[in-house]
Amino acid sequence: MRPLKNRQRPDNIPNEQRVIRSKTGRTIYIVLLCLFGLVVANYLFGDYVFLRADGLVLRDQHVIATPYVARVEAVDVREGQDVDAGSVLINLQSTEILERLADLSTKRAELVAKATDFKVRSENVAQLLPLAERRADEAVNTIKQFDDLAAAKLVTSARYQEALKVSYEANRDRVSLRTQRQVLQEELDSLDEALEDAADAISKVEALYDNGTVRSPVNGSIGATVPSVGNVYRPGEPILSVYSGKPYVLAYLPRRYLFPISVGMEVRVSDGRGATFGTITEILPVTDTLPREFQNTFKPSDRSQLAKISLSSDSSFPLNQKVGVSRFPKIGGAREHLRDLFGAEQVQD
């Protein structure tokens, strides 16, 4: 009989040749695994070794606001425009200030009228007082004469009483006029002070209002927000901003790091398109919450210490630009120098 299947003899099994696999796949796998480990380590512990901070490019800000309700009548500037100190920015109109000036002017007129009345009364007293003084002195002499006649019993009691009455009235008028003169002088002094205060208040309000003209306090540039004609602003509400001075970076330092950060340290500042170098000029003893654009969705909001970084003179970052601050500026500077060098050689070729 013929077998249905050829069976191999157990003592005659042929050697199996193993398939030699390429090492490329294993190498790629190991490299990817190492890269993944580096990424995870950098995410968890990178802040301990590398300086990676976020910051904003800022300038000294001067907020334009009014202490009164105002309506915008005219706008003479635009966003980003360079302005000089004292140049006209906008024209405002305030019914509140106009009413206040009218009230102050009315009160000042009332004070002037009252002071004029007191001056007239004081002048009358000044003219009547010498006559009252003379009358009182003559009355005193008359009483002395009546005393001598009364001692000699040459005058009746009725005439003597009448002389006493006249002397009393003369002295009363003299005392009354003297008192009025003193009181009127004090009142005039008080009115003069009140008039000076009223005039000073009117001059201050007029200087503050300046016919509704708002001028730039410094040399600088206008911010990104400019009011429109017809807008109404409440007291203290910002109308626009003027930025002056050299730009600097307000950096939010990392909360944990193993390297020293000190004043004078050179850093590299980049906004993704260009980069420049800066120097830490001040480490502020305050903390602040990271701005919303710096917050990470997967991390809770945290507070960071602030630092000021002065930029090099060739920096061209726009205002309020979000930038990144990193360490090792010398390495970055060498790379930029080599790139510029090779670029110059290519141009010469």
C-alpha atoms as a PDB file:
ATOM      1  CA  MET A   1       0.000   0.000   0.000  1.00  0.00           C
ATOM      2  CA  ARG A   2       1.164   3.541  -0.690  1.00  0.00           C
ATOM      3  CA  PRO A   3       1.042   5.983   2.279  1.00  0.00           C
ATOM      4  CA  LEU A   4      -1.239   8.987   1.972  1.00  0.00           C
ATOM      5  CA  LYS A   5       1.395  11.352   3.489  1.00  0.00           C
ATOM      6  CA  ASN A   6       5.133  11.136   3.537  1.00  0.00           C
ATOM      7  CA  ARG A   7       6.298  11.148   7.114  1.00  0.00           C
ATOM      8  CA  GLN A   8       9.776  12.315   7.976  1.00  0.00           C
ATOM      9  CA  ARG A   9      11.896  10.008   9.844  1.00  0.00           C
ATOM     10  CA  PRO A  10      12.763  11.233  13.347  1.00  0.00           C
ATOM     11  CA  ASP A  11      16.401  10.402  12.779  1.00  0.00           C
ATOM     12  CA  ASN A  12      16.571  12.369   9.516  1.00  0.00           C
ATOM     13  CA  ILE A  13      15.150  15.884  10.281  1.00  0.00           C
ATOM     14  CA  PRO A  14      16.682  18.561   8.008  1.00  0.00           C
ATOM     15  CA  ASN A  15      18.217  21.737   9.576  1.00  0.00           C
ATOM     16  CA  GLU A  16      15.944  24.794   9.442  1.00  0.00           C
ATOM     17  CA  GLN A  17      17.592  27.983   8.244  1.00  0.00           C
ATOM     18  CA  ARG A  18      16.688  31.004  10.365  1.00  0.00           C
ATOM     19  CA  VAL A  19      15.582  34.126   8.607  1.00  0.00           C
ATOM     20  CA  ILE A  20      18.092  36.929   9.169  1.00  0.00           C
ATOM     21  CA  ARG A  21      16.106  40.077   9.903  1.00  0.00           C
ATOM     22  CA  SER A  22      17.432  43.584   9.229  1.00  0.00           C
ATOM     23  CA  LYS A  23      18.578  45.707  12.196  1.00  0.00           C
ATOM     24  CA  THR A  24      17.081  48.888  10.719  1.00  0.00           C
ATOM     25  CA  GLY A  25      13.669  48.427  12.281  1.00  0.00           C
ATOM     26  CA  ARG A  26      15.142  47.723  15.688  1.00  0.00           C
ATOM     27  CA  THR A  27      17.358  50.794  15.419  1.00  0.00           C
ATOM     28  CA  ILE A  28      14.430  53.004  14.439  1.00  0.00           C
ATOM     29  CA  TYR A  29      12.387  51.620  17.309  1.00  0.00           C
ATOM     30  CA  ILE A  30      15.158  52.291  19.821  1.00  0.00           C
ATOM     31  CA  VAL A  31      15.727  55.794  18.437  1.00  0.00           C
ATOM     32  CA  LEU A  32      12.010  56.614  18.643  1.00  0.00           C
ATOM     33  CA  LEU A  33      11.855  55.216  22.163  1.00  0.00           C
ATOM     34  CA  CYS A  34      14.831  57.342  23.208  1.00  0.00           C
ATOM     35  CA  LEU A  35      13.292  60.430  21.607  1.00  0.00           C
ATOM     36  CA  PHE A  36      10.038  59.795  23.400  1.00  0.00           C
ATOM     37  CA  GLY A  37      11.912  59.429  26.680  1.00  0.00           C
ATOM     38  CA  LEU A  38      13.793  62.689  26.042  1.00  0.00           C
ATOM     39  CA  VAL A  39      10.563  64.503  25.240  1.00  0.00           C
ATOM     40  CA  VAL A  40       8.920  63.241  28.426  1.00  0.00           C
ATOM     41  CA  ALA A  41      12.011  64.102  30.497  1.00  0.00           C
ATOM     42  CA  ASN A  42      12.170  67.551  28.915  1.00  0.00           C
ATOM     43  CA  TYR A  43       8.484  68.136  29.638  1.00  0.00           C
ATOM     44  CA  LEU A  44       8.801  67.035  33.264  1.00  0.00           C
ATOM     45  CA  PHE A  45      12.275  68.204  34.230  1.00  0.00           C
ATOM     46  CA  GLY A  46      13.435  70.553  31.454  1.00  0.00           C
ATOM     47  CA  ASP A  47      12.708  73.670  33.482  1.00  0.00           C
ATOM     48  CA  TYR A  48      15.264  72.535  36.049  1.00  0.00           C
ATOM     49  CA  VAL A  49      18.117  72.672  33.540  1.00  0.00           C
ATOM     50  CA  PHE A  50      17.124  75.096  30.759  1.00  0.00           C
ATOM     51  CA  LEU A  51      15.919  78.667  31.147  1.00  0.00           C
ATOM     52  CA  ARG A  52      12.592  78.837  29.356  1.00  0.00           C
ATOM     53  CA  ALA A  53      10.473  81.826  30.244  1.00  0.00           C
ATOM     54  CA  ASP A  54       7.718  83.754  28.557  1.00  0.00           C
ATOM     55  CA  GLY A  55       7.559  87.511  28.382  1.00  0.00           C
ATOM     56  CA  LEU A  56       5.950  90.565  26.848  1.00  0.00           C
ATOM     57  CA  VAL A  57       7.637  93.468  25.088  1.00  0.00           C
ATOM     58  CA  LEU A  58       6.529  96.604  26.926  1.00  0.00           C
ATOM     59  CA  ARG A  59       7.235 100.314  27.222  1.00  0.00           C
ATOM     60  CA  ASP A  60       6.367 102.864  29.889  1.00  0.00           C
ATOM     61  CA  GLN A  61       2.625 103.380  29.655  1.00  0.00           C
ATOM     62  CA  HIS A  62       0.859 106.695  30.269  1.00  0.00           C
ATOM     63  CA  VAL A  63      -2.903 106.263  30.485  1.00  0.00           C
ATOM     64  CA  ILE A  64      -5.026 109.211  29.361  1.00  0.00           C
ATOM     65  CA  ALA A  65      -8.162 109.547  31.490  1.00  0.00           C
ATOM     66  CA  THR A  66     -10.318 112.369  32.835  1.00  0.00           C
ATOM     67  CA  PRO A  67     -11.773 112.940  36.331  1.00  0.00           C
ATOM     68  CA  TYR A  68     -15.101 113.939  34.785  1.00  0.00           C
ATOM     69  CA  VAL A  69     -17.670 112.593  32.356  1.00  0.00           C
ATOM     70  CA  ALA A  70     -16.546 113.511  28.844  1.00  0.00           C
ATOM     71  CA  ARG A  71     -17.694 113.064  25.276  1.00  0.00           C
ATOM     72  CA  VAL A  72     -15.217 112.786  22.399  1.00  0.00           C
ATOM     73  CA  GLU A  73     -15.644 115.621  19.924  1.00  0.00           C
ATOM     74  CA  ALA A  74     -12.598 115.109  17.660  1.00  0.00           C
ATOM     75  CA  VAL A  75      -9.681 112.674  17.365  1.00  0.00           C
ATOM     76  CA  ASP A  76      -6.382 113.935  15.957  1.00  0.00           C
ATOM     77  CA  VAL A  77      -4.272 110.743  16.240  1.00  0.00           C
ATOM     78  CA  ARG A  78      -4.304 107.172  14.989  1.00  0.00           C
ATOM     79  CA  GLU A  79      -3.003 103.852  16.243  1.00  0.00           C
ATOM     80  CA  GLY A  80       0.781 103.677  16.561  1.00  0.00           C
ATOM     81  CA  GLN A  81       1.328 107.324  15.648  1.00  0.00           C
ATOM     82  CA  ASP A  82       4.387 109.051  17.097  1.00  0.00           C
ATOM     83  CA  VAL A  83       3.519 112.139  19.131  1.00  0.00           C
ATOM     84  CA  ASP A  84       5.477 114.864  20.897  1.00  0.00           C
ATOM     85  CA  ALA A  85       4.917 116.147  24.404  1.00  0.00           C
ATOM     86  CA  GLY A  86       2.177 118.779  24.346  1.00  0.00           C
ATOM     87  CA  SER A  87       0.703 117.806  20.991  1.00  0.00           C
ATOM     88  CA  VAL A  88      -3.090 117.630  20.741  1.00  0.00           C
ATOM     89  CA  LEU A  89      -4.514 114.110  20.968  1.00  0.00           C
ATOM     90  CA  ILE A  90      -8.284 114.521  21.212  1.00  0.00           C
ATOM     91  CA  ASN A  91     -10.906 117.167  21.949  1.00  0.00           C
ATOM     92  CA  LEU A  92     -13.533 116.514  24.597  1.00  0.00           C
ATOM     93  CA  GLN A  93     -16.728 118.153  25.775  1.00  0.00           C
ATOM     94  CA  SER A  94     -17.990 117.865  29.338  1.00  0.00           C
ATOM     95  CA  THR A  95     -21.320 119.256  30.470  1.00  0.00           C
ATOM     96  CA  GLU A  96     -20.298 118.495  34.045  1.00  0.00           C
ATOM     97  CA  ILE A  97     -17.253 120.774  33.855  1.00  0.00           C
ATOM     98  CA  LEU A  98     -19.239 123.542  32.182  1.00  0.00           C
ATOM     99  CA  GLU A  99     -21.863 123.387  34.933  1.00  0.00           C
ATOM    100  CA  ARG A 100     -19.149 123.396  37.579  1.00  0.00           C
ATOM    101  CA  LEU A 101     -17.533 126.462  36.035  1.00  0.00           C
ATOM    102  CA  ALA A 102     -20.906 128.200  35.903  1.00  0.00           C
ATOM    103  CA  ASP A 103     -21.559 127.422  39.585  1.00  0.00           C
ATOM    104  CA  LEU A 104     -18.110 128.647  40.585  1.00  0.00           C
ATOM    105  CA  SER A 105     -18.568 131.832  38.593  1.00  0.00           C
ATOM    106  CA  THR A 106     -21.957 132.420  40.239  1.00  0.00           C
ATOM    107  CA  LYS A 107     -20.545 131.910  43.725  1.00  0.00           C
ATOM    108  CA  ARG A 108     -17.652 134.182  42.900  1.00  0.00           C
ATOM    109  CA  ALA A 109     -20.073 136.891  41.759  1.00  0.00           C
ATOM    110  CA  GLU A 110     -22.019 136.520  45.011  1.00  0.00           C
ATOM    111  CA  LEU A 111     -18.824 136.871  46.993  1.00  0.00           C
ATOM    112  CA  VAL A 112     -17.847 139.952  45.018  1.00  0.00           C
ATOM    113  CA  ALA A 113     -21.266 141.538  45.689  1.00  0.00           C
ATOM    114  CA  LYS A 114     -21.027 140.739  49.388  1.00  0.00           C
ATOM    115  CA  ALA A 115     -17.488 142.108  49.576  1.00  0.00           C
ATOM    116  CA  THR A 116     -18.631 145.307  47.844  1.00  0.00           C
ATOM    117  CA  ASP A 117     -21.441 145.724  50.390  1.00  0.00           C
ATOM    118  CA  PHE A 118     -19.025 145.219  53.271  1.00  0.00           C
ATOM    119  CA  LYS A 119     -16.594 147.715  51.747  1.00  0.00           C
ATOM    120  CA  VAL A 120     -19.374 150.341  51.526  1.00  0.00           C
ATOM    121  CA  ARG A 121     -20.337 149.734  55.144  1.00  0.00           C
ATOM    122  CA  SER A 122     -16.716 149.845  56.190  1.00  0.00           C
ATOM    123  CA  GLU A 123     -16.253 153.144  54.377  1.00  0.00           C
ATOM    124  CA  ASN A 124     -19.310 154.597  56.127  1.00  0.00           C
ATOM    125  CA  VAL A 125     -17.985 153.484  59.486  1.00  0.00           C
ATOM    126  CA  ALA A 126     -14.574 154.945  58.687  1.00  0.00           C
ATOM    127  CA  GLN A 127     -16.141 158.331  57.928  1.00  0.00           C
ATOM    128  CA  LEU A 128     -18.523 158.332  60.926  1.00  0.00           C
ATOM    129  CA  LEU A 129     -16.041 157.137  63.504  1.00  0.00           C
ATOM    130  CA  PRO A 130     -14.056 160.434  63.762  1.00  0.00           C
ATOM    131  CA  LEU A 131     -17.305 162.335  64.292  1.00  0.00           C
ATOM    132  CA  ALA A 132     -18.353 159.839  66.952  1.00  0.00           C
ATOM    133  CA  GLU A 133     -14.964 160.146  68.614  1.00  0.00           C
ATOM    134  CA  ARG A 134     -15.261 163.954  68.724  1.00  0.00           C
ATOM    135  CA  ARG A 135     -18.832 163.803  70.006  1.00  0.00           C
ATOM    136  CA  ALA A 136     -17.874 161.372  72.733  1.00  0.00           C
ATOM    137  CA  ASP A 137     -14.919 163.542  73.809  1.00  0.00           C
ATOM    138  CA  GLU A 138     -17.087 166.673  73.932  1.00  0.00           C
ATOM    139  CA  ALA A 139     -19.696 164.755  75.919  1.00  0.00           C
ATOM    140  CA  VAL A 140     -17.047 163.798  78.463  1.00  0.00           C
ATOM    141  CA  ASN A 141     -15.962 167.447  78.814  1.00  0.00           C
ATOM    142  CA  THR A 142     -19.602 168.501  79.186  1.00  0.00           C
ATOM    143  CA  ILE A 143     -20.149 165.950  81.958  1.00  0.00           C
ATOM    144  CA  LYS A 144     -17.100 167.303  83.783  1.00  0.00           C
ATOM    145  CA  GLN A 145     -18.549 170.825  83.597  1.00  0.00           C
ATOM    146  CA  PHE A 146     -21.937 169.561  84.783  1.00  0.00           C
ATOM    147  CA  ASP A 147     -20.222 167.788  87.674  1.00  0.00           C
ATOM    148  CA  ASP A 148     -18.673 171.099  88.810  1.00  0.00           C
ATOM    149  CA  LEU A 149     -21.999 172.893  88.454  1.00  0.00           C
ATOM    150  CA  ALA A 150     -23.829 170.122  90.276  1.00  0.00           C
ATOM    151  CA  ALA A 151     -21.324 170.358  93.112  1.00  0.00           C
ATOM    152  CA  ALA A 152     -22.054 174.088  93.354  1.00  0.00           C
ATOM    153  CA  LYS A 153     -25.780 173.383  93.015  1.00  0.00           C
ATOM    154  CA  LEU A 154     -26.037 175.588  89.936  1.00  0.00           C
ATOM    155  CA  VAL A 155     -27.768 173.039  87.662  1.00  0.00           C
ATOM    156  CA  THR A 156     -31.017 171.181  87.993  1.00  0.00           C
ATOM    157  CA  SER A 157     -31.146 167.394  88.162  1.00  0.00           C
ATOM    158  CA  ALA A 158     -33.163 167.217  84.933  1.00  0.00           C
ATOM    159  CA  ARG A 159     -30.481 169.054  82.977  1.00  0.00           C
ATOM    160  CA  TYR A 160     -27.827 166.869  84.604  1.00  0.00           C
ATOM    161  CA  GLN A 161     -29.675 163.653  83.652  1.00  0.00           C
ATOM    162  CA  GLU A 162     -30.096 164.893  80.101  1.00  0.00           C
ATOM    163  CA  ALA A 163     -26.325 165.558  79.853  1.00  0.00           C
ATOM    164  CA  LEU A 164     -25.574 162.082  81.154  1.00  0.00           C
ATOM    165  CA  LYS A 165     -27.909 160.591  78.583  1.00  0.00           C
ATOM    166  CA  VAL A 166     -26.241 162.490  75.764  1.00  0.00           C
ATOM    167  CA  SER A 167     -22.788 161.364  76.996  1.00  0.00           C
ATOM    168  CA  TYR A 168     -23.949 157.734  77.173  1.00  0.00           C
ATOM    169  CA  GLU A 169     -25.335 157.810  73.632  1.00  0.00           C
ATOM    170  CA  ALA A 170     -22.148 159.394  72.300  1.00  0.00           C
ATOM    171  CA  ASN A 171     -19.938 156.743  73.894  1.00  0.00           C
ATOM    172  CA  ARG A 172     -22.312 153.993  72.756  1.00  0.00           C
ATOM    173  CA  ASP A 173     -22.111 155.177  69.160  1.00  0.00           C
ATOM    174  CA  ARG A 174     -18.327 155.354  69.365  1.00  0.00           C
ATOM    175  CA  VAL A 175     -18.055 151.790  70.737  1.00  0.00           C
ATOM    176  CA  SER A 176     -20.548 150.513  68.173  1.00  0.00           C
ATOM    177  CA  LEU A 177     -18.649 152.070  65.273  1.00  0.00           C
ATOM    178  CA  ARG A 178     -15.342 150.742  66.534  1.00  0.00           C
ATOM    179  CA  THR A 179     -16.810 147.249  66.837  1.00  0.00           C
ATOM    180  CA  GLN A 180     -18.350 147.463  63.374  1.00  0.00           C
ATOM    181  CA  ARG A 181     -15.034 148.580  61.933  1.00  0.00           C
ATOM    182  CA  GLN A 182     -13.229 145.575  63.457  1.00  0.00           C
ATOM    183  CA  VAL A 183     -15.913 143.078  62.462  1.00  0.00           C
ATOM    184  CA  LEU A 184     -16.194 144.453  58.930  1.00  0.00           C
ATOM    185  CA  GLN A 185     -12.428 144.268  58.513  1.00  0.00           C
ATOM    186  CA  GLU A 186     -12.446 140.618  59.582  1.00  0.00           C
ATOM    187  CA  GLU A 187     -15.334 139.882  57.230  1.00  0.00           C
ATOM    188  CA  LEU A 188     -13.533 141.609  54.354  1.00  0.00           C
ATOM    189  CA  ASP A 189     -10.389 139.550  55.050  1.00  0.00           C
ATOM    190  CA  SER A 190     -12.464 136.344  55.002  1.00  0.00           C
ATOM    191  CA  LEU A 191     -14.184 137.397  51.785  1.00  0.00           C
ATOM    192  CA  ASP A 192     -10.837 138.206  50.186  1.00  0.00           C
ATOM    193  CA  GLU A 193      -9.593 134.697  51.049  1.00  0.00           C
ATOM    194  CA  ALA A 194     -12.816 133.168  49.726  1.00  0.00           C
ATOM    195  CA  LEU A 195     -12.466 135.155  46.497  1.00  0.00           C
ATOM    196  CA  GLU A 196      -8.884 133.980  46.116  1.00  0.00           C
ATOM    197  CA  ASP A 197      -9.975 130.376  46.684  1.00  0.00           C
ATOM    198  CA  ALA A 198     -12.804 130.750  44.176  1.00  0.00           C
ATOM    199  CA  ALA A 199     -10.494 132.299  41.590  1.00  0.00           C
ATOM    200  CA  ASP A 200      -7.914 129.555  42.194  1.00  0.00           C
ATOM    201  CA  ALA A 201     -10.586 126.856  41.853  1.00  0.00           C
ATOM    202  CA  ILE A 202     -11.846 128.371  38.607  1.00  0.00           C
ATOM    203  CA  SER A 203      -8.321 128.637  37.205  1.00  0.00           C
ATOM    204  CA  LYS A 204      -7.558 125.020  38.154  1.00  0.00           C
ATOM    205  CA  VAL A 205     -10.774 123.719  36.602  1.00  0.00           C
ATOM    206  CA  GLU A 206     -10.138 125.753  33.447  1.00  0.00           C
ATOM    207  CA  ALA A 207      -6.541 124.484  33.286  1.00  0.00           C
ATOM    208  CA  LEU A 208      -7.738 120.929  33.838  1.00  0.00           C
ATOM    209  CA  TYR A 209     -10.408 121.209  31.185  1.00  0.00           C
ATOM    210  CA  ASP A 210      -8.348 123.374  28.785  1.00  0.00           C
ATOM    211  CA  ASN A 211     -11.412 123.905  26.604  1.00  0.00           C
ATOM    212  CA  GLY A 212     -11.647 120.127  26.178  1.00  0.00           C
ATOM    213  CA  THR A 213      -8.192 119.758  24.625  1.00  0.00           C
ATOM    214  CA  VAL A 214      -6.237 116.658  25.713  1.00  0.00           C
ATOM    215  CA  ARG A 215      -2.489 116.831  25.093  1.00  0.00           C
ATOM    216  CA  SER A 216       0.243 114.220  25.183  1.00  0.00           C
ATOM    217  CA  PRO A 217       2.202 114.248  28.472  1.00  0.00           C
ATOM    218  CA  VAL A 218       5.394 112.749  26.953  1.00  0.00           C
ATOM    219  CA  ASN A 219       7.116 111.958  23.696  1.00  0.00           C
ATOM    220  CA  GLY A 220       6.016 108.524  22.540  1.00  0.00           C
ATOM    221  CA  SER A 221       3.576 106.598  20.409  1.00  0.00           C
ATOM    222  CA  ILE A 222      -0.156 105.967  20.585  1.00  0.00           C
ATOM    223  CA  GLY A 223      -1.403 102.561  21.682  1.00  0.00           C
ATOM    224  CA  ALA A 224      -3.629 100.158  19.810  1.00  0.00           C
ATOM    225  CA  THR A 225      -6.884 101.601  21.174  1.00  0.00           C
ATOM    226  CA  VAL A 226      -8.065 104.981  19.899  1.00  0.00           C
ATOM    227  CA  PRO A 227     -11.507 106.392  20.780  1.00  0.00           C
ATOM    228  CA  SER A 228     -14.127 107.247  18.212  1.00  0.00           C
ATOM    229  CA  VAL A 229     -16.033 110.492  17.900  1.00  0.00           C
ATOM    230  CA  GLY A 230     -19.134 110.367  20.068  1.00  0.00           C
ATOM    231  CA  ASN A 231     -17.795 107.971  22.697  1.00  0.00           C
ATOM    232  CA  VAL A 232     -18.655 108.896  26.283  1.00  0.00           C
ATOM    233  CA  TYR A 233     -16.246 108.044  29.095  1.00  0.00           C
ATOM    234  CA  ARG A 234     -16.843 107.963  32.817  1.00  0.00           C
ATOM    235  CA  PRO A 235     -14.430 109.505  35.354  1.00  0.00           C
ATOM    236  CA  GLY A 236     -11.203 107.516  35.529  1.00  0.00           C
ATOM    237  CA  GLU A 237     -12.023 105.328  32.539  1.00  0.00           C
ATOM    238  CA  PRO A 238      -9.008 104.976  30.196  1.00  0.00           C
ATOM    239  CA  ILE A 239      -9.461 106.790  26.901  1.00  0.00           C
ATOM    240  CA  LEU A 240      -6.149 105.967  25.229  1.00  0.00           C
ATOM    241  CA  SER A 241      -2.529 105.217  26.125  1.00  0.00           C
ATOM    242  CA  VAL A 242       0.775 106.808  25.178  1.00  0.00           C
ATOM    243  CA  TYR A 243       3.875 104.607  25.327  1.00  0.00           C
ATOM    244  CA  SER A 244       7.289 106.174  25.872  1.00  0.00           C
ATOM    245  CA  GLY A 245      10.833 105.123  26.623  1.00  0.00           C
ATOM    246  CA  LYS A 246      12.897 102.209  25.348  1.00  0.00           C
ATOM    247  CA  PRO A 247      11.192  98.821  24.947  1.00  0.00           C
ATOM    248  CA  TYR A 248      11.950  96.103  27.467  1.00  0.00           C
ATOM    249  CA  VAL A 249      10.753  92.589  28.172  1.00  0.00           C
ATOM    250  CA  LEU A 250       8.748  91.792  31.269  1.00  0.00           C
ATOM    251  CA  ALA A 251       9.622  88.126  31.757  1.00  0.00           C
ATOM    252  CA  TYR A 252       7.796  85.566  33.902  1.00  0.00           C
ATOM    253  CA  LEU A 253      10.578  83.480  35.415  1.00  0.00           C
ATOM    254  CA  PRO A 254      10.093  79.731  35.938  1.00  0.00           C
ATOM    255  CA  ARG A 255       9.061  78.664  39.406  1.00  0.00           C
ATOM    256  CA  ARG A 256      11.707  75.929  39.727  1.00  0.00           C
ATOM    257  CA  TYR A 257      15.233  75.760  38.340  1.00  0.00           C
ATOM    258  CA  LEU A 258      18.650  74.453  39.374  1.00  0.00           C
ATOM    259  CA  PHE A 259      20.779  77.196  37.788  1.00  0.00           C
ATOM    260  CA  PRO A 260      21.335  80.741  39.098  1.00  0.00           C
ATOM    261  CA  ILE A 261      19.435  83.680  37.625  1.00  0.00           C
ATOM    262  CA  SER A 262      20.977  87.030  38.476  1.00  0.00           C
ATOM    263  CA  VAL A 263      21.057  90.622  37.306  1.00  0.00           C
ATOM    264  CA  GLY A 264      23.401  91.070  34.364  1.00  0.00           C
ATOM    265  CA  MET A 265      22.786  87.613  32.867  1.00  0.00           C
ATOM    266  CA  GLU A 266      22.655  87.586  29.080  1.00  0.00           C
ATOM    267  CA  VAL A 267      19.644  85.892  27.532  1.00  0.00           C
ATOM    268  CA  ARG A 268      18.201  85.311  24.099  1.00  0.00           C
ATOM    269  CA  VAL A 269      14.814  86.757  23.245  1.00  0.00           C
ATOM    270  CA  SER A 270      12.816  85.391  20.317  1.00  0.00           C
ATOM    271  CA  ASP A 271       9.316  85.870  18.979  1.00  0.00           C
ATOM    272  CA  GLY A 272       9.392  82.952  16.529  1.00  0.00           C
ATOM    273  CA  ARG A 273      10.428  85.028  13.519  1.00  0.00           C
ATOM    274  CA  GLY A 274      13.426  86.952  14.793  1.00  0.00           C
ATOM    275  CA  ALA A 275      15.702  86.907  17.776  1.00  0.00           C
ATOM    276  CA  THR A 276      17.897  89.321  19.649  1.00  0.00           C
ATOM    277  CA  PHE A 277      19.858  89.401  22.852  1.00  0.00           C
ATOM    278  CA  GLY A 278      19.113  91.088  26.109  1.00  0.00           C
ATOM    279  CA  THR A 279      20.363  91.523  29.632  1.00  0.00           C
ATOM    280  CA  ILE A 280      18.449  91.015  32.858  1.00  0.00           C
ATOM    281  CA  THR A 281      18.470  94.452  34.490  1.00  0.00           C
ATOM    282  CA  GLU A 282      16.167  93.852  37.434  1.00  0.00           C
ATOM    283  CA  ILE A 283      14.559  90.924  39.220  1.00  0.00           C
ATOM    284  CA  LEU A 284      11.415  92.271  40.824  1.00  0.00           C
ATOM    285  CA  PRO A 285      10.446  91.107  44.323  1.00  0.00           C
ATOM    286  CA  VAL A 286       6.856  90.476  43.216  1.00  0.00           C
ATOM    287  CA  THR A 287       4.933  87.701  41.523  1.00  0.00           C
ATOM    288  CA  ASP A 288       2.040  87.786  39.125  1.00  0.00           C
ATOM    289  CA  THR A 289      -0.281  85.365  37.415  1.00  0.00           C
ATOM    290  CA  LEU A 290       0.711  84.379  33.915  1.00  0.00           C
ATOM    291  CA  PRO A 291      -1.307  86.155  31.226  1.00  0.00           C
ATOM    292  CA  ARG A 292      -3.978  84.123  29.528  1.00  0.00           C
ATOM    293  CA  GLU A 293      -1.939  83.695  26.350  1.00  0.00           C
ATOM    294  CA  PHE A 294       0.866  82.046  28.372  1.00  0.00           C
ATOM    295  CA  GLN A 295      -1.291  79.619  30.322  1.00  0.00           C
ATOM    296  CA  ASN A 296      -1.242  75.927  29.471  1.00  0.00           C
ATOM    297  CA  THR A 297      -4.489  74.043  29.202  1.00  0.00           C
ATOM    298  CA  PHE A 298      -2.972  70.958  30.810  1.00  0.00           C
ATOM    299  CA  LYS A 299      -1.367  72.833  33.702  1.00  0.00           C
ATOM    300  CA  PRO A 300      -3.028  74.812  36.490  1.00  0.00           C
ATOM    301  CA  SER A 301      -2.510  78.566  36.489  1.00  0.00           C
ATOM    302  CA  ASP A 302       0.506  79.552  38.560  1.00  0.00           C
ATOM    303  CA  ARG A 303       2.252  82.722  39.726  1.00  0.00           C
ATOM    304  CA  SER A 304       5.765  83.572  38.580  1.00  0.00           C
ATOM    305  CA  GLN A 305       8.377  86.062  39.659  1.00  0.00           C
ATOM    306  CA  LEU A 306       8.860  89.000  37.321  1.00  0.00           C
ATOM    307  CA  ALA A 307      12.083  90.278  35.773  1.00  0.00           C
ATOM    308  CA  LYS A 308      12.942  93.159  33.457  1.00  0.00           C
ATOM    309  CA  ILE A 309      15.166  92.502  30.438  1.00  0.00           C
ATOM    310  CA  SER A 310      16.707  95.306  28.431  1.00  0.00           C
ATOM    311  CA  LEU A 311      16.898  94.643  24.699  1.00  0.00           C
ATOM    312  CA  SER A 312      19.717  95.417  22.332  1.00  0.00           C
ATOM    313  CA  SER A 313      19.507  98.533  20.225  1.00  0.00           C
ATOM    314  CA  ASP A 314      18.777  96.593  17.029  1.00  0.00           C
ATOM    315  CA  SER A 315      15.627  94.916  18.342  1.00  0.00           C
ATOM    316  CA  SER A 316      12.480  95.482  16.296  1.00  0.00           C
ATOM    317  CA  PHE A 317       9.830  93.706  18.352  1.00  0.00           C
ATOM    318  CA  PRO A 318       6.414  95.376  18.256  1.00  0.00           C
ATOM    319  CA  LEU A 319       4.740  96.512  21.425  1.00  0.00           C
ATOM    320  CA  ASN A 320       2.990  93.825  23.513  1.00  0.00           C
ATOM    321  CA  GLN A 321       4.631  91.092  21.425  1.00  0.00           C
ATOM    322  CA  LYS A 322       4.754  87.680  23.091  1.00  0.00           C
ATOM    323  CA  VAL A 323       8.368  86.449  23.237  1.00  0.00           C
ATOM    324  CA  GLY A 324      10.313  83.553  24.636  1.00  0.00           C
ATOM    325  CA  VAL A 325      13.376  83.981  26.829  1.00  0.00           C
ATOM    326  CA  SER A 326      16.110  81.324  26.801  1.00  0.00           C
ATOM    327  CA  ARG A 327      19.602  80.871  28.124  1.00  0.00           C
ATOM    328  CA  PHE A 328      22.986  80.311  26.394  1.00  0.00           C
ATOM    329  CA  PRO A 329      23.030  83.517  24.342  1.00  0.00           C
ATOM    330  CA  LYS A 330      26.665  82.940  23.296  1.00  0.00           C
ATOM    331  CA  ILE A 331      25.814  79.695  21.450  1.00  0.00           C
ATOM    332  CA  GLY A 332      22.857  81.338  19.778  1.00  0.00           C
ATOM    333  CA  GLY A 333      24.994  84.358  18.946  1.00  0.00           C
ATOM    334  CA  ALA A 334      27.669  82.164  17.354  1.00  0.00           C
ATOM    335  CA  ARG A 335      25.042  80.434  15.229  1.00  0.00           C
ATOM    336  CA  GLU A 336      23.624  83.764  14.083  1.00  0.00           C
ATOM    337  CA  HIS A 337      27.139  85.022  13.332  1.00  0.00           C
ATOM    338  CA  LEU A 338      28.010  81.960  11.245  1.00  0.00           C
ATOM    339  CA  ARG A 339      24.757  82.210   9.326  1.00  0.00           C
ATOM    340  CA  ASP A 340      25.406  85.874   8.561  1.00  0.00           C
ATOM    341  CA  LEU A 341      28.988  85.052   7.576  1.00  0.00           C
ATOM    342  CA  PHE A 342      28.019  82.286   5.166  1.00  0.00           C
ATOM    343  CA  GLY A 343      25.293  84.479   3.746  1.00  0.00           C
ATOM    344  CA  ALA A 344      27.824  87.267   3.093  1.00  0.00           C
ATOM    345  CA  GLU A 345      30.208  84.824   1.374  1.00  0.00           C
ATOM    346  CA  GLN A 346      27.434  83.600  -0.901  1.00  0.00           C
ATOM    347  CA  VAL A 347      26.633  87.165  -1.874  1.00  0.00           C
ATOM    348  CA  GLN A 348      30.310  87.798  -2.722  1.00  0.00           C
ATOM    349  CA  ASP A 349      30.463  84.630  -4.864  1.00  0.00           C
END
